[in-house]
Amino acid sequence: MQLEIINTRSGAVLNRHDGIETSDALIFTLRGIADTQATVLVNGNKAERDDTLFSCNVSLAQKFNRVKITSSSQYGDASLEVVLVWDKNSFKR
């Protein structure tokens, strides 16, 4: 089973430049690749698919946010977990 995140990594510090920041959260679009026939869930939400690519919006509401990605198909299951850090109210330095 193939399951990989392609636009970030565990421990990445994300801010207003990486998504849409509201007063409550940073909405970040997580992108990755998985087997074509697999169903991909990101924190329990079904990801949009385009062949091997998947994407799903993730709401980062805490400073440290655990994101769990699972993939399931007739060939087996795979999962991975990453921690993303929200740099809330970041400013130009």
C-alpha atoms as a PDB file:
ATOM      1  CA  MET A   1       0.000   0.000   0.000  1.00  0.00           C
ATOM      2  CA  GLN A   2       1.232   3.427  -0.919  1.00  0.00           C
ATOM      3  CA  LEU A   3       0.431   6.333   1.415  1.00  0.00           C
ATOM      4  CA  GLU A   4       2.525   9.482   1.523  1.00  0.00           C
ATOM      5  CA  ILE A   5       2.084  13.189   2.256  1.00  0.00           C
ATOM      6  CA  ILE A   6       3.643  15.378  -0.439  1.00  0.00           C
ATOM      7  CA  ASN A   7       3.197  18.983   0.714  1.00  0.00           C
ATOM      8  CA  THR A   8       4.397  18.953   4.329  1.00  0.00           C
ATOM      9  CA  ARG A   9       6.112  16.786   6.919  1.00  0.00           C
ATOM     10  CA  SER A  10       5.684  15.975  10.583  1.00  0.00           C
ATOM     11  CA  GLY A  11       6.856  18.856  12.757  1.00  0.00           C
ATOM     12  CA  ALA A  12       6.276  21.487  10.069  1.00  0.00           C
ATOM     13  CA  VAL A  13       5.433  24.965  11.377  1.00  0.00           C
ATOM     14  CA  LEU A  14       2.523  26.400   9.375  1.00  0.00           C
ATOM     15  CA  ASN A  15       1.170  29.938   9.349  1.00  0.00           C
ATOM     16  CA  ARG A  16      -1.096  32.315   7.400  1.00  0.00           C
ATOM     17  CA  HIS A  17       1.017  31.784   4.274  1.00  0.00           C
ATOM     18  CA  ASP A  18       0.162  28.055   4.232  1.00  0.00           C
ATOM     19  CA  GLY A  19      -3.619  28.264   4.440  1.00  0.00           C
ATOM     20  CA  ILE A  20      -6.553  30.384   5.524  1.00  0.00           C
ATOM     21  CA  GLU A  21      -6.235  31.739   9.054  1.00  0.00           C
ATOM     22  CA  THR A  22      -9.357  32.530  11.060  1.00  0.00           C
ATOM     23  CA  SER A  23      -9.586  33.600  14.695  1.00  0.00           C
ATOM     24  CA  ASP A  24     -10.106  29.928  15.660  1.00  0.00           C
ATOM     25  CA  ALA A  25      -7.922  27.884  13.309  1.00  0.00           C
ATOM     26  CA  LEU A  26      -5.692  27.597  10.284  1.00  0.00           C
ATOM     27  CA  ILE A  27      -7.381  25.750   7.410  1.00  0.00           C
ATOM     28  CA  PHE A  28      -4.638  23.858   5.600  1.00  0.00           C
ATOM     29  CA  THR A  29      -5.032  21.662   2.513  1.00  0.00           C
ATOM     30  CA  LEU A  30      -3.138  18.417   3.067  1.00  0.00           C
ATOM     31  CA  ARG A  31      -2.036  16.704  -0.172  1.00  0.00           C
ATOM     32  CA  GLY A  32      -0.621  13.267  -0.750  1.00  0.00           C
ATOM     33  CA  ILE A  33      -0.539  10.109  -2.824  1.00  0.00           C
ATOM     34  CA  ALA A  34      -2.173   6.752  -2.244  1.00  0.00           C
ATOM     35  CA  ASP A  35      -3.123   3.705  -4.279  1.00  0.00           C
ATOM     36  CA  THR A  36      -5.729   4.607  -6.894  1.00  0.00           C
ATOM     37  CA  GLN A  37      -8.416   2.251  -5.587  1.00  0.00           C
ATOM     38  CA  ALA A  38      -7.930   3.166  -1.898  1.00  0.00           C
ATOM     39  CA  THR A  39     -10.334   5.159   0.237  1.00  0.00           C
ATOM     40  CA  VAL A  40      -8.365   7.841   2.083  1.00  0.00           C
ATOM     41  CA  LEU A  41      -9.523   9.439   5.332  1.00  0.00           C
ATOM     42  CA  VAL A  42      -7.848  12.423   6.979  1.00  0.00           C
ATOM     43  CA  ASN A  43      -8.866  12.739  10.628  1.00  0.00           C
ATOM     44  CA  GLY A  44     -11.948  10.694   9.722  1.00  0.00           C
ATOM     45  CA  ASN A  45     -12.961  12.908   6.769  1.00  0.00           C
ATOM     46  CA  LYS A  46     -13.016  11.442   3.269  1.00  0.00           C
ATOM     47  CA  ALA A  47     -10.325  12.987   1.070  1.00  0.00           C
ATOM     48  CA  GLU A  48     -10.957  14.124  -2.493  1.00  0.00           C
ATOM     49  CA  ARG A  49      -9.235  11.869  -5.046  1.00  0.00           C
ATOM     50  CA  ASP A  50      -7.707  12.435  -8.483  1.00  0.00           C
ATOM     51  CA  ASP A  51      -6.064   9.177  -9.597  1.00  0.00           C
ATOM     52  CA  THR A  52      -3.223   8.600  -7.104  1.00  0.00           C
ATOM     53  CA  LEU A  53      -3.453  12.116  -5.603  1.00  0.00           C
ATOM     54  CA  PHE A  54      -5.607  13.004  -2.613  1.00  0.00           C
ATOM     55  CA  SER A  55      -6.358  16.253  -0.810  1.00  0.00           C
ATOM     56  CA  CYS A  56      -8.353  17.250   2.241  1.00  0.00           C
ATOM     57  CA  ASN A  57      -8.741  20.443   4.263  1.00  0.00           C
ATOM     58  CA  VAL A  58      -7.494  20.123   7.836  1.00  0.00           C
ATOM     59  CA  SER A  59      -8.433  22.523  10.610  1.00  0.00           C
ATOM     60  CA  LEU A  60      -5.453  23.269  12.858  1.00  0.00           C
ATOM     61  CA  ALA A  61      -6.968  24.719  16.031  1.00  0.00           C
ATOM     62  CA  GLN A  62      -4.189  24.050  18.563  1.00  0.00           C
ATOM     63  CA  LYS A  63      -0.513  24.924  18.604  1.00  0.00           C
ATOM     64  CA  PHE A  64       0.318  21.213  18.119  1.00  0.00           C
ATOM     65  CA  ASN A  65      -2.139  19.257  15.923  1.00  0.00           C
ATOM     66  CA  ARG A  66      -2.120  15.496  15.335  1.00  0.00           C
ATOM     67  CA  VAL A  67      -3.309  14.524  11.862  1.00  0.00           C
ATOM     68  CA  LYS A  68      -4.064  10.873  11.106  1.00  0.00           C
ATOM     69  CA  ILE A  69      -4.278   9.662   7.515  1.00  0.00           C
ATOM     70  CA  THR A  70      -5.662   6.207   6.763  1.00  0.00           C
ATOM     71  CA  SER A  71      -5.937   4.342   3.480  1.00  0.00           C
ATOM     72  CA  SER A  72      -8.024   1.251   2.880  1.00  0.00           C
ATOM     73  CA  SER A  73      -8.508  -0.941  -0.186  1.00  0.00           C
ATOM     74  CA  GLN A  74      -8.995  -4.574  -1.127  1.00  0.00           C
ATOM     75  CA  TYR A  75      -5.209  -4.931  -0.992  1.00  0.00           C
ATOM     76  CA  GLY A  76      -4.823  -3.803   2.605  1.00  0.00           C
ATOM     77  CA  ASP A  77      -4.725  -0.877   4.967  1.00  0.00           C
ATOM     78  CA  ALA A  78      -2.109   1.769   5.711  1.00  0.00           C
ATOM     79  CA  SER A  79      -1.941   4.699   8.091  1.00  0.00           C
ATOM     80  CA  LEU A  80       0.378   7.444   9.167  1.00  0.00           C
ATOM     81  CA  GLU A  81       0.244  10.227  11.711  1.00  0.00           C
ATOM     82  CA  VAL A  82       1.937  13.616  11.652  1.00  0.00           C
ATOM     83  CA  VAL A  83       2.071  16.554  14.030  1.00  0.00           C
ATOM     84  CA  LEU A  84       1.622  19.995  12.471  1.00  0.00           C
ATOM     85  CA  VAL A  85       2.415  23.178  14.392  1.00  0.00           C
ATOM     86  CA  TRP A  86       0.233  26.279  13.943  1.00  0.00           C
ATOM     87  CA  ASP A  87       2.176  29.540  14.304  1.00  0.00           C
ATOM     88  CA  LYS A  88      -0.926  31.518  15.265  1.00  0.00           C
ATOM     89  CA  ASN A  89      -0.944  35.245  14.491  1.00  0.00           C
ATOM     90  CA  SER A  90       2.416  35.095  12.748  1.00  0.00           C
ATOM     91  CA  PHE A  91       3.842  38.363  11.542  1.00  0.00           C
ATOM     92  CA  LYS A  92       6.500  39.485   9.119  1.00  0.00           C
ATOM     93  CA  ARG A  93       9.928  39.384  10.743  1.00  0.00           C
END
